[in-house]
Amino acid sequence: MISKEFELIREARISKIRSSLGAKRAEYATDADVLVNFKSGAACLKTSPEKTLLSYATKHWVSIQDMIENLPIDGSINPNTKEANLEVWNEKVGDVINYLILLEGLIQERLSGK
């Protein structure tokens, strides 16, 4: 892949992150606490918000692992499989990236004592 192509992928991903985290915020967060979903989940599961986030993110990571396992070694792609769909790849990769950003927020909050 040439540099220009990768730059386009990078910039598209950054735009998707902004859009996705903004849209999901209304569904999973409050103005008072954008990480409340993980804290509420932690209370239900009797664990930490970070472990709750990890458990939520694991579903997406396992899906990516399955998709990687289904890739042929020779570099070809079967267009008839769900895994070959670039839209599915983009969604799953984006989900994991978003969870890592949210984890960074939880860790920052914990270590800053706020």
Protein backbone atom coordinates (compact mmCIF):
# COMPACT_ATOMS: atom_id res chain seq x y z
CA MET A 1 0.00 0.00 0.00
CA ILE A 2 1.35 3.38 -0.90
CA SER A 3 1.54 6.22 1.60
CA LYS A 4 -1.27 8.24 0.00
CA GLU A 5 -3.68 5.31 0.26
CA PHE A 6 -2.82 4.79 3.92
CA GLU A 7 -3.28 8.49 4.66
CA LEU A 8 -6.78 8.29 3.19
CA ILE A 9 -7.58 5.29 5.40
CA ARG A 10 -6.19 7.07 8.48
CA GLU A 11 -8.16 10.26 7.86
CA ALA A 12 -11.36 8.33 7.13
CA ARG A 13 -10.93 6.39 10.39
CA ILE A 14 -10.42 9.57 12.42
CA SER A 15 -13.58 11.01 10.90
CA LYS A 16 -15.50 7.80 11.67
CA ILE A 17 -14.26 7.85 15.27
CA ARG A 18 -15.55 11.39 15.77
CA SER A 19 -18.89 10.55 14.23
CA SER A 20 -19.37 7.24 16.02
CA LEU A 21 -18.34 8.41 19.49
CA GLY A 22 -20.55 11.46 19.06
CA ALA A 23 -23.58 9.42 18.01
CA LYS A 24 -23.10 6.75 20.69
CA ARG A 25 -22.67 9.38 23.39
CA ALA A 26 -26.35 10.24 23.25
CA GLU A 27 -27.24 6.56 23.67
CA TYR A 28 -24.75 5.49 26.36
CA ALA A 29 -23.60 8.61 28.21
CA THR A 30 -24.83 11.68 30.01
CA ASP A 31 -23.54 15.22 29.95
CA ALA A 32 -22.46 14.72 33.54
CA ASP A 33 -20.47 11.53 32.81
CA VAL A 34 -19.60 10.20 29.37
CA LEU A 35 -18.35 6.96 30.95
CA VAL A 36 -21.44 6.24 33.06
CA ASN A 37 -22.37 3.16 31.02
CA PHE A 38 -19.22 1.34 32.16
CA LYS A 39 -19.65 2.46 35.75
CA SER A 40 -23.28 1.30 35.84
CA GLY A 41 -22.27 -1.98 34.22
CA ALA A 42 -19.51 -2.38 36.79
CA ALA A 43 -22.00 -1.93 39.62
CA CYS A 44 -24.24 -4.63 38.13
CA LEU A 45 -21.33 -7.01 37.57
CA LYS A 46 -19.59 -6.13 40.84
CA THR A 47 -16.33 -5.33 39.08
CA SER A 48 -14.41 -2.30 37.85
CA PRO A 49 -15.50 -0.03 34.99
CA GLU A 50 -12.31 -1.00 33.15
CA LYS A 51 -13.07 -4.72 33.39
CA THR A 52 -16.63 -4.02 32.31
CA LEU A 53 -15.36 -2.15 29.26
CA LEU A 54 -13.02 -5.03 28.48
CA SER A 55 -15.89 -7.49 28.63
CA TYR A 56 -17.99 -5.31 26.32
CA ALA A 57 -15.09 -4.94 23.87
CA THR A 58 -14.24 -8.65 23.87
CA LYS A 59 -17.23 -9.46 21.66
CA HIS A 60 -15.83 -7.22 18.94
CA TRP A 61 -12.30 -8.53 19.34
CA VAL A 62 -13.48 -12.16 19.05
CA SER A 63 -15.40 -11.23 15.91
CA ILE A 64 -12.22 -9.75 14.40
CA GLN A 65 -10.29 -12.89 15.35
CA ASP A 66 -12.91 -15.04 13.62
CA MET A 67 -12.78 -12.85 10.52
CA ILE A 68 -8.98 -13.10 10.41
CA GLU A 69 -9.18 -16.89 10.78
CA ASN A 70 -11.51 -16.98 7.76
CA LEU A 71 -9.07 -15.11 5.52
CA PRO A 72 -7.40 -17.43 3.03
CA ILE A 73 -3.61 -17.63 3.35
CA ASP A 74 -3.10 -16.87 -0.35
CA GLY A 75 -4.47 -13.33 0.04
CA SER A 76 -7.67 -13.97 -1.90
CA ILE A 77 -11.06 -13.10 -0.52
CA ASN A 78 -14.30 -14.96 -1.03
CA PRO A 79 -16.77 -12.18 -1.89
CA ASN A 80 -19.66 -14.36 -0.73
CA THR A 81 -18.63 -14.34 2.92
CA LYS A 82 -19.74 -11.75 5.43
CA GLU A 83 -16.15 -11.43 6.59
CA ALA A 84 -15.05 -10.24 3.15
CA ASN A 85 -17.32 -7.22 3.37
CA LEU A 86 -15.17 -4.13 3.93
CA GLU A 87 -18.06 -2.46 5.74
CA VAL A 88 -18.06 -5.21 8.38
CA TRP A 89 -14.28 -4.92 8.80
CA ASN A 90 -14.54 -1.15 9.17
CA GLU A 91 -17.28 -1.47 11.77
CA LYS A 92 -15.46 -4.04 13.90
CA VAL A 93 -12.10 -2.25 13.77
CA GLY A 94 -13.83 1.02 14.62
CA ASP A 95 -15.62 -0.56 17.57
CA VAL A 96 -12.34 -1.80 19.06
CA ILE A 97 -10.62 1.56 18.50
CA ASN A 98 -13.53 3.35 20.18
CA TYR A 99 -13.39 1.04 23.18
CA LEU A 100 -9.65 1.73 23.52
CA ILE A 101 -10.32 5.47 23.49
CA LEU A 102 -13.01 5.02 26.13
CA LEU A 103 -10.61 2.88 28.18
CA GLU A 104 -8.09 5.68 27.98
CA GLY A 105 -10.74 7.99 29.44
CA LEU A 106 -11.45 5.59 32.31
CA ILE A 107 -7.75 5.19 33.08
CA GLN A 108 -7.12 8.93 32.90
CA GLU A 109 -10.02 9.53 35.28
CA ARG A 110 -8.83 6.83 37.70
CA LEU A 111 -5.21 7.95 37.77
CA SER A 112 -6.07 11.62 38.09
CA GLY A 113 -8.34 10.81 41.05
CA LYS A 114 -11.40 12.55 39.59
